[in-house]
Amino acid sequence: MEYCKDGDLKKYLKKKERDGLPEAEAITIMKQVVRGYQELAKNNTIHRDLKPANILISNGLFKICDFGFSKVIKDPTVANKTCVGSPIYMAPQILDKKDYSAKCDIWSLGIIFYELVHGTVPWTAKS
């Protein structure tokens, strides 16, 4: 794995403005992250733990990492029910222990984008 000397997106956000990043910067970052996600989707892979701490930065490039919970989907008709990931970024289906698909990663990307723009996640309740 490549060494990403600039840390991760979580630390990057902590150094930046508390009220979120400028929209143009947030969009630039998300475009890169979504391109990485597209590669996963092309390879029938669900990441299942997309979050700022799992996006590394190297020379201005944002790269998805930590594939410990990722899963290659060999048969899309087989249900995914394993509850893995980071709760704040998990899709409701995973939290409810219902069947889910690769679309759960899209939910996580939305939470990340919200956090980039607003400087916080959409909710902070513990339940």
N, C-alpha and C. Protein backbone atom coordinates (compact mmCIF):
# COMPACT_ATOMS: atom_id res chain seq x y z
N MET A 1 0.84 -1.18 0.00
CA MET A 1 0.00 0.00 0.00
C MET A 1 0.88 1.24 0.00
N GLU A 2 0.45 2.22 -0.71
CA GLU A 2 1.17 3.48 -0.83
C GLU A 2 1.15 4.25 0.50
N TYR A 3 2.24 4.93 0.81
CA TYR A 3 2.30 5.78 2.00
C TYR A 3 1.68 7.13 1.66
N CYS A 4 0.66 7.52 2.39
CA CYS A 4 -0.02 8.80 2.16
C CYS A 4 0.37 9.75 3.28
N LYS A 5 1.38 10.54 3.03
CA LYS A 5 2.00 11.37 4.05
C LYS A 5 1.12 12.50 4.59
N ASP A 6 0.05 12.81 3.89
CA ASP A 6 -0.79 13.94 4.29
C ASP A 6 -1.94 13.55 5.22
N GLY A 7 -1.94 12.32 5.71
CA GLY A 7 -2.96 11.91 6.67
C GLY A 7 -4.27 11.51 6.04
N ASP A 8 -5.34 11.66 6.81
CA ASP A 8 -6.66 11.25 6.32
C ASP A 8 -7.63 12.43 6.33
N LEU A 9 -8.78 12.21 5.73
CA LEU A 9 -9.78 13.27 5.60
C LEU A 9 -10.32 13.71 6.96
N LYS A 10 -10.40 12.82 7.91
CA LYS A 10 -10.88 13.18 9.25
C LYS A 10 -9.96 14.23 9.88
N LYS A 11 -8.66 14.00 9.82
CA LYS A 11 -7.70 14.95 10.38
C LYS A 11 -7.69 16.25 9.57
N TYR A 12 -7.83 16.12 8.27
CA TYR A 12 -7.88 17.28 7.38
C TYR A 12 -9.05 18.19 7.78
N LEU A 13 -10.21 17.59 8.03
CA LEU A 13 -11.39 18.37 8.42
C LEU A 13 -11.19 19.06 9.76
N LYS A 14 -10.51 18.40 10.68
CA LYS A 14 -10.27 19.01 12.00
C LYS A 14 -9.39 20.25 11.89
N LYS A 15 -8.47 20.26 10.93
CA LYS A 15 -7.58 21.40 10.73
C LYS A 15 -8.28 22.56 10.03
N LYS A 16 -9.32 22.25 9.30
CA LYS A 16 -10.02 23.26 8.50
C LYS A 16 -11.09 23.97 9.32
N GLU A 17 -11.88 24.75 8.64
CA GLU A 17 -12.92 25.52 9.30
C GLU A 17 -13.95 24.63 9.98
N ARG A 18 -14.39 25.07 11.14
CA ARG A 18 -15.35 24.29 11.92
C ARG A 18 -16.72 24.21 11.26
N ASP A 19 -17.05 25.19 10.46
CA ASP A 19 -18.37 25.22 9.83
C ASP A 19 -18.39 24.52 8.48
N GLY A 20 -17.39 23.75 8.18
CA GLY A 20 -17.34 23.03 6.91
C GLY A 20 -16.42 23.70 5.91
N LEU A 21 -16.18 22.98 4.85
CA LEU A 21 -15.30 23.47 3.78
C LEU A 21 -16.10 24.32 2.81
N PRO A 22 -15.42 25.18 2.05
CA PRO A 22 -16.11 25.87 0.97
C PRO A 22 -16.69 24.83 0.00
N GLU A 23 -17.85 25.13 -0.57
CA GLU A 23 -18.52 24.15 -1.44
C GLU A 23 -17.61 23.64 -2.55
N ALA A 24 -16.87 24.53 -3.19
CA ALA A 24 -16.01 24.11 -4.31
C ALA A 24 -14.98 23.08 -3.85
N GLU A 25 -14.41 23.28 -2.68
CA GLU A 25 -13.42 22.32 -2.16
C GLU A 25 -14.09 20.99 -1.82
N ALA A 26 -15.26 21.06 -1.19
CA ALA A 26 -15.98 19.83 -0.84
C ALA A 26 -16.33 19.04 -2.10
N ILE A 27 -16.76 19.73 -3.14
CA ILE A 27 -17.11 19.06 -4.40
C ILE A 27 -15.87 18.43 -5.04
N THR A 28 -14.75 19.14 -5.02
CA THR A 28 -13.51 18.59 -5.58
C THR A 28 -13.10 17.31 -4.86
N ILE A 29 -13.18 17.33 -3.55
CA ILE A 29 -12.82 16.14 -2.76
C ILE A 29 -13.78 15.00 -3.07
N MET A 30 -15.07 15.29 -3.07
CA MET A 30 -16.06 14.22 -3.30
C MET A 30 -15.95 13.63 -4.70
N LYS A 31 -15.60 14.44 -5.68
CA LYS A 31 -15.42 13.90 -7.04
C LYS A 31 -14.34 12.82 -7.03
N GLN A 32 -13.26 13.07 -6.31
CA GLN A 32 -12.18 12.09 -6.24
C GLN A 32 -12.63 10.83 -5.49
N VAL A 33 -13.34 11.02 -4.39
CA VAL A 33 -13.80 9.88 -3.60
C VAL A 33 -14.80 9.05 -4.41
N VAL A 34 -15.70 9.72 -5.11
CA VAL A 34 -16.69 9.00 -5.93
C VAL A 34 -16.01 8.24 -7.06
N ARG A 35 -14.96 8.81 -7.65
CA ARG A 35 -14.22 8.06 -8.68
C ARG A 35 -13.64 6.77 -8.09
N GLY A 36 -13.13 6.85 -6.88
CA GLY A 36 -12.64 5.65 -6.20
C GLY A 36 -13.75 4.65 -5.96
N TYR A 37 -14.90 5.17 -5.53
CA TYR A 37 -16.07 4.30 -5.31
C TYR A 37 -16.50 3.63 -6.62
N GLN A 38 -16.45 4.36 -7.72
CA GLN A 38 -16.84 3.79 -9.02
C GLN A 38 -15.97 2.58 -9.36
N GLU A 39 -14.71 2.63 -9.01
CA GLU A 39 -13.83 1.48 -9.26
C GLU A 39 -14.28 0.28 -8.43
N LEU A 40 -14.67 0.53 -7.20
CA LEU A 40 -15.19 -0.57 -6.37
C LEU A 40 -16.45 -1.15 -7.00
N ALA A 41 -17.35 -0.28 -7.42
CA ALA A 41 -18.61 -0.73 -8.01
C ALA A 41 -18.37 -1.55 -9.29
N LYS A 42 -17.42 -1.11 -10.10
CA LYS A 42 -17.09 -1.85 -11.33
C LYS A 42 -16.62 -3.27 -11.01
N ASN A 43 -16.02 -3.41 -9.85
CA ASN A 43 -15.49 -4.71 -9.44
C ASN A 43 -16.42 -5.43 -8.46
N ASN A 44 -17.69 -5.02 -8.45
CA ASN A 44 -18.72 -5.66 -7.61
C ASN A 44 -18.30 -5.75 -6.14
N THR A 45 -17.74 -4.67 -5.64
CA THR A 45 -17.25 -4.66 -4.26
C THR A 45 -18.00 -3.62 -3.43
N ILE A 46 -18.45 -4.04 -2.26
CA ILE A 46 -19.04 -3.12 -1.28
C ILE A 46 -17.94 -2.81 -0.26
N HIS A 47 -17.71 -1.55 0.02
CA HIS A 47 -16.69 -1.17 1.00
C HIS A 47 -17.20 -1.40 2.43
N ARG A 48 -18.37 -0.91 2.74
CA ARG A 48 -19.08 -1.08 4.00
C ARG A 48 -18.50 -0.32 5.19
N ASP A 49 -17.48 0.51 4.97
CA ASP A 49 -16.97 1.34 6.07
C ASP A 49 -16.39 2.65 5.53
N LEU A 50 -17.11 3.26 4.59
CA LEU A 50 -16.66 4.55 4.07
C LEU A 50 -16.90 5.62 5.13
N LYS A 51 -15.85 6.36 5.44
CA LYS A 51 -15.90 7.45 6.41
C LYS A 51 -14.64 8.29 6.22
N PRO A 52 -14.59 9.51 6.73
CA PRO A 52 -13.42 10.37 6.52
C PRO A 52 -12.10 9.74 6.97
N ALA A 53 -12.10 8.97 8.04
CA ALA A 53 -10.86 8.34 8.51
C ALA A 53 -10.34 7.29 7.53
N ASN A 54 -11.20 6.82 6.63
CA ASN A 54 -10.79 5.81 5.64
C ASN A 54 -10.58 6.42 4.26
N ILE A 55 -10.30 7.71 4.24
CA ILE A 55 -9.95 8.39 2.99
C ILE A 55 -8.62 9.08 3.24
N LEU A 56 -7.58 8.56 2.62
CA LEU A 56 -6.23 9.09 2.81
C LEU A 56 -5.93 10.17 1.79
N ILE A 57 -4.96 11.03 2.14
CA ILE A 57 -4.59 12.14 1.27
C ILE A 57 -3.10 12.04 0.96
N SER A 58 -2.78 12.18 -0.32
CA SER A 58 -1.39 12.18 -0.75
C SER A 58 -1.24 13.15 -1.91
N ASN A 59 -0.47 14.20 -1.68
CA ASN A 59 -0.23 15.20 -2.73
C ASN A 59 -1.52 15.75 -3.33
N GLY A 60 -2.49 16.03 -2.48
CA GLY A 60 -3.75 16.60 -2.94
C GLY A 60 -4.74 15.61 -3.52
N LEU A 61 -4.40 14.33 -3.51
CA LEU A 61 -5.31 13.30 -4.01
C LEU A 61 -5.94 12.57 -2.83
N PHE A 62 -7.24 12.34 -2.92
CA PHE A 62 -7.99 11.68 -1.86
C PHE A 62 -8.29 10.26 -2.30
N LYS A 63 -7.89 9.30 -1.45
CA LYS A 63 -7.94 7.88 -1.84
C LYS A 63 -8.62 7.04 -0.76
N ILE A 64 -9.54 6.20 -1.19
CA ILE A 64 -10.24 5.30 -0.27
C ILE A 64 -9.26 4.23 0.23
N CYS A 65 -9.33 3.92 1.52
CA CYS A 65 -8.48 2.87 2.09
C CYS A 65 -9.29 2.02 3.06
N ASP A 66 -8.64 1.14 3.75
CA ASP A 66 -9.20 0.24 4.77
C ASP A 66 -10.33 -0.61 4.20
N PHE A 67 -9.94 -1.67 3.56
CA PHE A 67 -10.90 -2.57 2.93
C PHE A 67 -11.19 -3.79 3.81
N GLY A 68 -10.98 -3.64 5.12
CA GLY A 68 -11.19 -4.75 6.05
C GLY A 68 -12.61 -5.28 6.08
N PHE A 69 -13.60 -4.42 5.87
CA PHE A 69 -15.00 -4.85 5.86
C PHE A 69 -15.55 -5.00 4.44
N SER A 70 -14.72 -4.76 3.45
CA SER A 70 -15.23 -4.82 2.07
C SER A 70 -15.59 -6.25 1.69
N LYS A 71 -16.46 -6.35 0.71
CA LYS A 71 -16.95 -7.66 0.29
C LYS A 71 -17.18 -7.65 -1.21
N VAL A 72 -16.66 -8.66 -1.88
CA VAL A 72 -16.93 -8.83 -3.31
C VAL A 72 -18.27 -9.55 -3.44
N ILE A 73 -19.15 -8.98 -4.22
CA ILE A 73 -20.48 -9.55 -4.44
C ILE A 73 -20.42 -10.47 -5.65
N LYS A 74 -20.40 -11.76 -5.41
CA LYS A 74 -20.34 -12.74 -6.50
C LYS A 74 -21.72 -13.01 -7.07
N ASP A 75 -22.72 -12.99 -6.21
CA ASP A 75 -24.09 -13.26 -6.63
C ASP A 75 -24.99 -12.18 -6.04
N PRO A 76 -25.45 -11.23 -6.86
CA PRO A 76 -26.27 -10.13 -6.33
C PRO A 76 -27.61 -10.57 -5.76
N THR A 77 -28.01 -11.82 -5.99
CA THR A 77 -29.28 -12.30 -5.44
C THR A 77 -29.14 -12.80 -4.00
N VAL A 78 -27.90 -12.97 -3.54
CA VAL A 78 -27.65 -13.41 -2.16
C VAL A 78 -27.68 -12.18 -1.25
N ALA A 79 -28.45 -12.26 -0.17
CA ALA A 79 -28.61 -11.13 0.74
C ALA A 79 -27.34 -10.87 1.55
N ASN A 80 -27.08 -9.60 1.80
CA ASN A 80 -26.02 -9.17 2.71
C ASN A 80 -26.69 -8.71 3.98
N LYS A 81 -26.30 -9.28 5.10
CA LYS A 81 -26.94 -8.93 6.37
C LYS A 81 -25.95 -8.60 7.48
N THR A 82 -24.67 -8.84 7.25
CA THR A 82 -23.67 -8.63 8.28
C THR A 82 -23.63 -7.15 8.68
N CYS A 83 -23.73 -6.89 9.96
CA CYS A 83 -23.72 -5.51 10.47
C CYS A 83 -22.27 -5.11 10.76
N VAL A 84 -21.66 -4.41 9.81
CA VAL A 84 -20.28 -3.94 9.96
C VAL A 84 -20.20 -2.48 9.53
N GLY A 85 -19.19 -1.79 10.03
CA GLY A 85 -18.99 -0.40 9.64
C GLY A 85 -18.98 0.51 10.86
N SER A 86 -19.04 1.80 10.58
CA SER A 86 -19.06 2.82 11.63
C SER A 86 -20.47 3.40 11.69
N PRO A 87 -21.16 3.25 12.83
CA PRO A 87 -22.59 3.57 12.91
C PRO A 87 -23.01 4.92 12.33
N ILE A 88 -22.27 5.98 12.57
CA ILE A 88 -22.67 7.30 12.06
C ILE A 88 -22.78 7.29 10.53
N TYR A 89 -21.98 6.49 9.86
CA TYR A 89 -21.93 6.48 8.40
C TYR A 89 -22.69 5.30 7.78
N MET A 90 -23.26 4.44 8.61
CA MET A 90 -23.94 3.23 8.11
C MET A 90 -25.34 3.53 7.60
N ALA A 91 -25.71 2.87 6.52
CA ALA A 91 -27.07 2.99 5.97
C ALA A 91 -28.07 2.39 6.96
N PRO A 92 -29.30 2.91 6.97
CA PRO A 92 -30.32 2.39 7.89
C PRO A 92 -30.55 0.89 7.77
N GLN A 93 -30.46 0.34 6.56
CA GLN A 93 -30.69 -1.10 6.38
C GLN A 93 -29.68 -1.91 7.18
N ILE A 94 -28.44 -1.46 7.21
CA ILE A 94 -27.41 -2.19 7.95
C ILE A 94 -27.69 -2.10 9.45
N LEU A 95 -28.00 -0.90 9.90
CA LEU A 95 -28.30 -0.71 11.32
C LEU A 95 -29.51 -1.53 11.77
N ASP A 96 -30.49 -1.67 10.87
CA ASP A 96 -31.70 -2.43 11.18
C ASP A 96 -31.54 -3.93 10.92
N LYS A 97 -30.32 -4.33 10.54
CA LYS A 97 -30.01 -5.74 10.26
C LYS A 97 -30.92 -6.33 9.18
N LYS A 98 -31.20 -5.49 8.16
CA LYS A 98 -31.99 -5.93 7.01
C LYS A 98 -31.06 -6.21 5.84
N ASP A 99 -31.59 -6.84 4.81
CA ASP A 99 -30.80 -7.07 3.60
C ASP A 99 -30.34 -5.72 3.04
N TYR A 100 -29.12 -5.69 2.53
CA TYR A 100 -28.63 -4.46 1.91
C TYR A 100 -27.79 -4.81 0.69
N SER A 101 -27.53 -3.78 -0.10
CA SER A 101 -26.76 -3.95 -1.34
C SER A 101 -25.61 -2.96 -1.35
N ALA A 102 -24.95 -2.86 -2.48
CA ALA A 102 -23.85 -1.91 -2.64
C ALA A 102 -24.31 -0.47 -2.46
N LYS A 103 -25.61 -0.25 -2.55
CA LYS A 103 -26.14 1.10 -2.38
C LYS A 103 -25.88 1.64 -0.98
N CYS A 104 -25.56 0.76 -0.03
CA CYS A 104 -25.26 1.24 1.32
C CYS A 104 -24.05 2.17 1.31
N ASP A 105 -23.13 1.95 0.38
CA ASP A 105 -21.97 2.83 0.27
C ASP A 105 -22.37 4.23 -0.21
N ILE A 106 -23.42 4.32 -1.03
CA ILE A 106 -23.90 5.62 -1.51
C ILE A 106 -24.38 6.44 -0.31
N TRP A 107 -25.07 5.80 0.62
CA TRP A 107 -25.52 6.48 1.84
C TRP A 107 -24.31 7.06 2.57
N SER A 108 -23.28 6.25 2.74
CA SER A 108 -22.07 6.70 3.45
C SER A 108 -21.43 7.89 2.74
N LEU A 109 -21.40 7.85 1.42
CA LEU A 109 -20.84 8.97 0.66
C LEU A 109 -21.64 10.24 0.91
N GLY A 110 -22.95 10.11 1.01
CA GLY A 110 -23.80 11.27 1.30
C GLY A 110 -23.51 11.87 2.66
N ILE A 111 -23.29 11.01 3.65
CA ILE A 111 -22.97 11.49 5.00
C ILE A 111 -21.62 12.21 4.99
N ILE A 112 -20.66 11.64 4.28
CA ILE A 112 -19.33 12.27 4.17
C ILE A 112 -19.46 13.65 3.52
N PHE A 113 -20.22 13.74 2.43
CA PHE A 113 -20.38 15.02 1.73
C PHE A 113 -21.04 16.05 2.65
N TYR A 114 -22.05 15.63 3.37
CA TYR A 114 -22.72 16.52 4.33
C TYR A 114 -21.69 17.04 5.34
N GLU A 115 -20.87 16.14 5.85
CA GLU A 115 -19.87 16.53 6.84
C GLU A 115 -18.85 17.51 6.26
N LEU A 116 -18.46 17.30 5.02
CA LEU A 116 -17.52 18.22 4.38
C LEU A 116 -18.11 19.63 4.30
N VAL A 117 -19.37 19.72 3.92
CA VAL A 117 -20.01 21.01 3.71
C VAL A 117 -20.40 21.70 5.03
N HIS A 118 -20.85 20.93 6.01
CA HIS A 118 -21.37 21.51 7.24
C HIS A 118 -20.42 21.43 8.44
N GLY A 119 -19.37 20.66 8.33
CA GLY A 119 -18.42 20.55 9.43
C GLY A 119 -18.86 19.61 10.54
N THR A 120 -19.96 18.93 10.34
CA THR A 120 -20.49 17.98 11.32
C THR A 120 -21.33 16.94 10.59
N VAL A 121 -21.57 15.83 11.24
CA VAL A 121 -22.46 14.82 10.65
C VAL A 121 -23.90 15.28 10.85
N PRO A 122 -24.86 14.72 10.09
CA PRO A 122 -26.24 15.20 10.16
C PRO A 122 -26.90 15.03 11.53
N TRP A 123 -26.45 14.09 12.32
CA TRP A 123 -27.03 13.87 13.65
C TRP A 123 -25.95 13.37 14.59
N THR A 124 -26.19 13.58 15.87
CA THR A 124 -25.17 13.17 16.85
C THR A 124 -25.75 12.33 17.98
N ALA A 125 -27.02 11.97 17.90
CA ALA A 125 -27.63 11.15 18.95
C ALA A 125 -26.94 9.79 19.03
N LYS A 126 -26.95 9.21 20.20
CA LYS A 126 -26.29 7.92 20.41
C LYS A 126 -27.20 6.75 20.09
N SER A 127 -28.46 6.99 19.78
CA SER A 127 -29.36 5.90 19.43
C SER A 127 -30.28 6.31 18.29
